[in-house]
Amino acid sequence: MMHDDLNANDRLESMERPTSQMPSRSPRARQESPATPLTDREVPIGVARTNDLVHAWLDGELPEAALSGTESAHHVDFWKRLDRDLESRRVMQTPAHVQQKIMDALPALSTTTATETPWWGRSIAISPIAVAAAAAGLLALGAVVGATVQGR
């Protein structure tokens, strides 16, 4: 996992200064320093929305000529460039030694699986608290049924 250093300017300044001149790390010192705006590297949702015409072209419903001269032409150029770049990657094959390493790293399949055993033959584990709660519930249910039958 890679983390961005949001205080990159502080780090560069501290590398240039001797230790005795290190800036204070108090909040007041940070507020007094000239603030540089941080930029977000993600594309905000809704800003770079692809046009419905481009989606139709990608789905094969529209010819490319229907998109020429529109504001979605740069989207079409992007998808064409992406397709050209991916075309070379589609013909690439993983070397045999890498495939063998992957296959060797996979766990061996067992011959018997849990689904081959019928449900009534499988063992179950229930905690003693669950058993006590079930017994208390059945006792209470029995008391309610007994009281209603006796009340008739």
Protein backbone atom coordinates (compact mmCIF):
# COMPACT_ATOMS: atom_id res chain seq x y z
CA MET A 1 0.00 0.00 0.00
CA MET A 2 1.36 3.40 -0.93
CA HIS A 3 0.67 6.51 1.12
CA ASP A 4 1.01 10.06 -0.12
CA ASP A 5 3.15 12.40 1.95
CA LEU A 6 0.81 15.35 2.35
CA ASN A 7 3.53 17.36 4.03
CA ALA A 8 6.08 17.04 1.23
CA ASN A 9 7.05 20.72 1.46
CA ASP A 10 7.82 20.38 5.19
CA ARG A 11 10.04 17.39 4.47
CA LEU A 12 12.01 19.24 1.78
CA GLU A 13 12.46 22.28 4.02
CA SER A 14 13.60 20.12 6.92
CA MET A 15 16.20 18.44 4.71
CA GLU A 16 17.66 21.82 3.76
CA ARG A 17 17.77 23.23 7.32
CA PRO A 18 20.00 22.19 10.18
CA THR A 19 18.29 20.41 13.08
CA SER A 20 18.43 23.51 15.29
CA GLN A 21 16.29 25.41 12.76
CA MET A 22 13.61 22.74 12.37
CA PRO A 23 10.10 24.15 12.10
CA SER A 24 7.76 23.66 15.00
CA ARG A 25 5.14 20.94 14.66
CA SER A 26 2.51 22.83 16.62
CA PRO A 27 -0.82 23.66 14.90
CA ARG A 28 -0.07 27.37 15.23
CA ALA A 29 3.15 27.01 13.24
CA ARG A 30 1.31 25.17 10.50
CA GLN A 31 -1.36 27.86 10.27
CA GLU A 32 1.23 30.60 9.92
CA SER A 33 3.12 28.85 7.12
CA PRO A 34 1.95 29.69 3.60
CA ALA A 35 -0.67 27.15 2.66
CA THR A 36 -0.22 25.33 -0.60
CA PRO A 37 -3.43 23.84 -1.92
CA LEU A 38 -3.49 20.07 -2.00
CA THR A 39 -4.77 18.58 -5.21
CA ASP A 40 -6.85 15.48 -5.34
CA ARG A 41 -5.60 12.87 -7.76
CA GLU A 42 -8.95 11.15 -8.18
CA VAL A 43 -11.45 12.09 -10.82
CA PRO A 44 -14.56 13.43 -9.09
CA ILE A 45 -17.77 11.57 -9.81
CA GLY A 46 -19.99 13.33 -12.29
CA VAL A 47 -17.33 15.60 -13.76
CA ALA A 48 -15.98 13.25 -16.43
CA ARG A 49 -19.25 11.54 -17.26
CA THR A 50 -19.29 9.68 -20.54
CA ASN A 51 -22.03 10.69 -22.94
CA ASP A 52 -24.85 8.23 -23.73
CA LEU A 53 -23.88 8.40 -27.40
CA VAL A 54 -20.42 7.07 -26.53
CA HIS A 55 -22.00 4.22 -24.57
CA ALA A 56 -24.17 3.40 -27.57
CA TRP A 57 -21.07 3.46 -29.82
CA LEU A 58 -19.17 1.17 -27.41
CA ASP A 59 -22.12 -1.23 -27.39
CA GLY A 60 -22.11 -1.29 -31.20
CA GLU A 61 -25.48 0.43 -31.53
CA LEU A 62 -24.15 3.56 -33.30
CA PRO A 63 -21.54 3.96 -36.03
CA GLU A 64 -18.49 6.06 -35.26
CA ALA A 65 -19.56 8.63 -37.87
CA ALA A 66 -22.54 9.55 -35.67
CA LEU A 67 -20.12 10.83 -33.00
CA SER A 68 -17.81 12.91 -35.17
CA GLY A 69 -18.00 16.60 -34.44
CA THR A 70 -19.66 16.21 -31.06
CA GLU A 71 -18.25 16.95 -27.61
CA SER A 72 -17.83 13.21 -27.11
CA ALA A 73 -15.15 12.92 -29.80
CA HIS A 74 -12.37 13.01 -27.17
CA HIS A 75 -14.05 10.05 -25.43
CA VAL A 76 -14.03 8.13 -28.71
CA ASP A 77 -10.33 8.93 -29.19
CA PHE A 78 -9.62 7.71 -25.66
CA TRP A 79 -11.43 4.40 -26.21
CA LYS A 80 -9.72 3.86 -29.56
CA ARG A 81 -6.28 4.48 -28.00
CA LEU A 82 -7.15 2.14 -25.14
CA ASP A 83 -8.22 -0.55 -27.59
CA ARG A 84 -4.95 -0.20 -29.54
CA ASP A 85 -2.92 -0.49 -26.34
CA LEU A 86 -4.87 -3.49 -25.14
CA GLU A 87 -4.64 -5.28 -28.47
CA SER A 88 -0.94 -5.93 -27.94
CA ARG A 89 -1.63 -7.18 -24.41
CA ARG A 90 -4.35 -9.56 -25.57
CA VAL A 91 -1.88 -11.62 -27.60
CA MET A 92 0.62 -11.88 -24.73
CA GLN A 93 0.92 -15.27 -23.10
CA THR A 94 2.15 -16.08 -19.65
CA PRO A 95 5.46 -17.99 -19.79
CA ALA A 96 5.17 -21.68 -18.98
CA HIS A 97 7.36 -21.47 -15.88
CA VAL A 98 5.11 -18.75 -14.41
CA GLN A 99 1.99 -20.79 -15.13
CA GLN A 100 3.58 -23.78 -13.42
CA LYS A 101 4.46 -21.69 -10.35
CA ILE A 102 0.86 -20.52 -10.13
CA MET A 103 -0.50 -24.04 -10.46
CA ASP A 104 1.96 -25.34 -7.84
CA ALA A 105 0.88 -22.61 -5.41
CA LEU A 106 -2.78 -23.65 -5.61
CA PRO A 107 -3.92 -26.01 -2.85
CA ALA A 108 -4.49 -29.60 -3.84
CA LEU A 109 -8.14 -30.51 -4.31
CA SER A 110 -9.39 -33.15 -1.91
CA THR A 111 -11.30 -36.11 -3.28
CA THR A 112 -14.08 -35.83 -0.68
CA THR A 113 -15.90 -32.60 -0.15
CA ALA A 114 -18.45 -31.51 2.41
CA THR A 115 -21.26 -31.59 -0.14
CA GLU A 116 -20.83 -35.35 -0.69
CA THR A 117 -21.86 -36.06 2.90
CA PRO A 118 -25.64 -35.89 3.39
CA TRP A 119 -26.86 -33.13 5.69
CA TRP A 120 -28.12 -35.56 8.33
CA GLY A 121 -24.75 -37.26 8.52
CA ARG A 122 -22.71 -34.12 9.18
CA SER A 123 -21.69 -33.24 12.71
CA ILE A 124 -22.91 -30.02 14.22
CA ALA A 125 -21.47 -27.93 17.01
CA ILE A 126 -23.77 -25.99 19.32
CA SER A 127 -22.63 -23.95 22.27
CA PRO A 128 -24.00 -24.83 25.72
CA ILE A 129 -25.57 -21.38 25.99
CA ALA A 130 -27.55 -21.96 22.79
CA VAL A 131 -28.75 -25.32 24.11
CA ALA A 132 -29.83 -23.74 27.43
CA ALA A 133 -31.63 -20.91 25.60
CA ALA A 134 -33.44 -23.40 23.35
CA ALA A 135 -34.46 -25.51 26.35
CA ALA A 136 -35.76 -22.43 28.19
CA GLY A 137 -37.69 -21.36 25.09
CA LEU A 138 -39.27 -24.80 24.69
CA LEU A 139 -40.16 -24.86 28.40
CA ALA A 140 -41.82 -21.44 28.10
CA LEU A 141 -43.68 -22.56 24.97
CA GLY A 142 -44.88 -25.65 26.78
CA ALA A 143 -46.08 -23.52 29.71
CA VAL A 144 -48.01 -21.23 27.37
CA VAL A 145 -49.61 -24.16 25.54
CA GLY A 146 -50.48 -25.81 28.87
CA ALA A 147 -52.03 -22.62 30.22
CA THR A 148 -54.17 -22.13 27.13
CA VAL A 149 -55.34 -25.75 27.08
CA GLN A 150 -56.16 -25.65 30.81
CA GLY A 151 -58.01 -22.34 30.46
CA ARG A 152 -60.62 -23.80 28.09
